[in-house]
Amino acid sequence: MDSKILLGKILQRFFDKKVAQVEGYNSFGYLKETNQAVRLTREGGADTVVPFKKIIKGIEAYKANPQLYDEGPSALRQFGITHVTSPIWAMLHLLDKNNYL
């Protein structure tokens, strides 16, 4: 499936649920979207802007290697996703692993 379609599904699910969280990890709350990013709250931290292009990098990494889905957020660092690794990881987990196959 096209990465932009998956991005749209992730953003819709995030908007609907208002939270992205993987069990045992911090949660991230939905605040708003712009044309290029999503703004979210961090559990115990400052609000953060996450650019769509970084989320798409994560989507493409999962599509290339679906086993990354089962690893922790630090697995995304090798793809140049830093500083927003945990929120992107949590958002990517709003979809099932099968979406990335």
C-alpha atoms as a PDB file:
ATOM      1  CA  MET A   1       0.000   0.000   0.000  1.00  0.00           C
ATOM      2  CA  ASP A   2       1.224   3.519  -0.756  1.00  0.00           C
ATOM      3  CA  SER A   3       3.025   5.218   2.134  1.00  0.00           C
ATOM      4  CA  LYS A   4       0.848   8.343   1.899  1.00  0.00           C
ATOM      5  CA  ILE A   5      -2.297   6.239   2.209  1.00  0.00           C
ATOM      6  CA  LEU A   6      -0.838   4.553   5.290  1.00  0.00           C
ATOM      7  CA  LEU A   7       0.040   7.997   6.684  1.00  0.00           C
ATOM      8  CA  GLY A   8      -3.579   9.048   6.198  1.00  0.00           C
ATOM      9  CA  LYS A   9      -4.821   5.931   7.989  1.00  0.00           C
ATOM     10  CA  ILE A  10      -2.417   6.542  10.889  1.00  0.00           C
ATOM     11  CA  LEU A  11      -3.455  10.185  11.217  1.00  0.00           C
ATOM     12  CA  GLN A  12      -7.152   9.285  11.080  1.00  0.00           C
ATOM     13  CA  ARG A  13      -6.733   6.642  13.761  1.00  0.00           C
ATOM     14  CA  PHE A  14      -4.669   9.064  15.906  1.00  0.00           C
ATOM     15  CA  PHE A  15      -7.358  11.742  15.501  1.00  0.00           C
ATOM     16  CA  ASP A  16     -10.121   9.262  16.389  1.00  0.00           C
ATOM     17  CA  LYS A  17      -8.374   7.716  19.403  1.00  0.00           C
ATOM     18  CA  LYS A  18      -6.748  10.974  20.568  1.00  0.00           C
ATOM     19  CA  VAL A  19      -3.806   8.939  21.897  1.00  0.00           C
ATOM     20  CA  ALA A  20      -1.008   6.782  20.545  1.00  0.00           C
ATOM     21  CA  GLN A  21       0.535   4.386  23.023  1.00  0.00           C
ATOM     22  CA  VAL A  22       2.181   1.000  22.960  1.00  0.00           C
ATOM     23  CA  GLU A  23       1.571  -0.906  26.185  1.00  0.00           C
ATOM     24  CA  GLY A  24       4.376  -0.320  28.656  1.00  0.00           C
ATOM     25  CA  TYR A  25       5.566   2.885  26.946  1.00  0.00           C
ATOM     26  CA  ASN A  26       4.691   6.581  27.239  1.00  0.00           C
ATOM     27  CA  SER A  27       1.569   7.902  25.583  1.00  0.00           C
ATOM     28  CA  PHE A  28       1.260  10.724  23.079  1.00  0.00           C
ATOM     29  CA  GLY A  29      -1.878  12.815  22.737  1.00  0.00           C
ATOM     30  CA  TYR A  30      -3.261  14.269  19.519  1.00  0.00           C
ATOM     31  CA  LEU A  31      -3.471  18.070  19.453  1.00  0.00           C
ATOM     32  CA  LYS A  32      -3.821  19.148  15.812  1.00  0.00           C
ATOM     33  CA  GLU A  33      -2.587  18.704  12.254  1.00  0.00           C
ATOM     34  CA  THR A  34      -1.207  21.121   9.715  1.00  0.00           C
ATOM     35  CA  ASN A  35      -0.450  20.459   6.047  1.00  0.00           C
ATOM     36  CA  GLN A  36       3.009  19.135   6.931  1.00  0.00           C
ATOM     37  CA  ALA A  37       2.983  17.894  10.520  1.00  0.00           C
ATOM     38  CA  VAL A  38       1.023  16.704  13.517  1.00  0.00           C
ATOM     39  CA  ARG A  39       1.336  18.375  16.918  1.00  0.00           C
ATOM     40  CA  LEU A  40       1.134  16.092  19.917  1.00  0.00           C
ATOM     41  CA  THR A  41       1.561  16.088  23.662  1.00  0.00           C
ATOM     42  CA  ARG A  42       4.207  13.983  25.323  1.00  0.00           C
ATOM     43  CA  GLU A  43       3.500  12.190  28.584  1.00  0.00           C
ATOM     44  CA  GLY A  44       5.687  14.117  31.040  1.00  0.00           C
ATOM     45  CA  GLY A  45       7.139  16.402  28.360  1.00  0.00           C
ATOM     46  CA  ALA A  46       6.612  19.383  26.103  1.00  0.00           C
ATOM     47  CA  ASP A  47       4.326  19.452  23.079  1.00  0.00           C
ATOM     48  CA  THR A  48       6.094  18.287  19.929  1.00  0.00           C
ATOM     49  CA  VAL A  49       5.640  18.787  16.201  1.00  0.00           C
ATOM     50  CA  VAL A  50       6.219  15.640  14.138  1.00  0.00           C
ATOM     51  CA  PRO A  51       6.711  16.239  10.400  1.00  0.00           C
ATOM     52  CA  PHE A  52       4.814  13.919   8.080  1.00  0.00           C
ATOM     53  CA  LYS A  53       8.026  13.236   6.130  1.00  0.00           C
ATOM     54  CA  LYS A  54       9.527  11.599   9.238  1.00  0.00           C
ATOM     55  CA  ILE A  55       6.431   9.456   9.748  1.00  0.00           C
ATOM     56  CA  ILE A  56       6.655   8.410   6.091  1.00  0.00           C
ATOM     57  CA  LYS A  57      10.309   7.419   6.672  1.00  0.00           C
ATOM     58  CA  GLY A  58       9.091   5.136   9.463  1.00  0.00           C
ATOM     59  CA  ILE A  59       6.345   3.701   7.259  1.00  0.00           C
ATOM     60  CA  GLU A  60       8.830   2.985   4.495  1.00  0.00           C
ATOM     61  CA  ALA A  61      11.243   1.367   6.955  1.00  0.00           C
ATOM     62  CA  TYR A  62       8.452  -0.941   8.184  1.00  0.00           C
ATOM     63  CA  LYS A  63       7.446  -1.776   4.610  1.00  0.00           C
ATOM     64  CA  ALA A  64      11.046  -2.660   3.722  1.00  0.00           C
ATOM     65  CA  ASN A  65      11.552  -4.686   6.904  1.00  0.00           C
ATOM     66  CA  PRO A  66       8.277  -5.581   8.676  1.00  0.00           C
ATOM     67  CA  GLN A  67      10.229  -7.232  11.532  1.00  0.00           C
ATOM     68  CA  LEU A  68      11.067  -3.714  12.781  1.00  0.00           C
ATOM     69  CA  TYR A  69       7.449  -3.536  13.958  1.00  0.00           C
ATOM     70  CA  ASP A  70       8.326  -5.959  16.744  1.00  0.00           C
ATOM     71  CA  GLU A  71      11.352  -3.971  17.899  1.00  0.00           C
ATOM     72  CA  GLY A  72      11.436  -0.925  20.154  1.00  0.00           C
ATOM     73  CA  PRO A  73      11.450   2.719  19.119  1.00  0.00           C
ATOM     74  CA  SER A  74      15.238   2.889  18.903  1.00  0.00           C
ATOM     75  CA  ALA A  75      15.114   0.644  15.798  1.00  0.00           C
ATOM     76  CA  LEU A  76      13.957   3.712  13.840  1.00  0.00           C
ATOM     77  CA  ARG A  77      17.136   5.678  14.589  1.00  0.00           C
ATOM     78  CA  GLN A  78      19.047   3.894  11.834  1.00  0.00           C
ATOM     79  CA  PHE A  79      16.641   5.506   9.357  1.00  0.00           C
ATOM     80  CA  GLY A  80      17.428   9.050  10.481  1.00  0.00           C
ATOM     81  CA  ILE A  81      14.446   9.341  12.812  1.00  0.00           C
ATOM     82  CA  THR A  82      15.720  11.011  15.976  1.00  0.00           C
ATOM     83  CA  HIS A  83      14.218  13.253  18.665  1.00  0.00           C
ATOM     84  CA  VAL A  84      10.712  12.081  17.716  1.00  0.00           C
ATOM     85  CA  THR A  85      11.468   8.368  17.594  1.00  0.00           C
ATOM     86  CA  SER A  86       9.058   7.327  20.360  1.00  0.00           C
ATOM     87  CA  PRO A  87       6.016   9.275  19.117  1.00  0.00           C
ATOM     88  CA  ILE A  88       6.515   8.039  15.558  1.00  0.00           C
ATOM     89  CA  TRP A  89       6.921   4.474  16.803  1.00  0.00           C
ATOM     90  CA  ALA A  90       3.709   4.798  18.819  1.00  0.00           C
ATOM     91  CA  MET A  91       1.829   6.246  15.842  1.00  0.00           C
ATOM     92  CA  LEU A  92       3.093   3.492  13.527  1.00  0.00           C
ATOM     93  CA  HIS A  93       1.648   0.982  15.990  1.00  0.00           C
ATOM     94  CA  LEU A  94      -1.825   2.452  15.548  1.00  0.00           C
ATOM     95  CA  LEU A  95      -1.956   0.125  12.535  1.00  0.00           C
ATOM     96  CA  ASP A  96      -1.446  -3.630  12.607  1.00  0.00           C
ATOM     97  CA  LYS A  97       1.783  -5.130  11.327  1.00  0.00           C
ATOM     98  CA  ASN A  98      -0.126  -6.567   8.333  1.00  0.00           C
ATOM     99  CA  ASN A  99      -0.608  -3.033   6.973  1.00  0.00           C
ATOM    100  CA  TYR A 100       3.121  -2.795   6.325  1.00  0.00           C
ATOM    101  CA  LEU A 101       3.449  -6.114   4.473  1.00  0.00           C
END
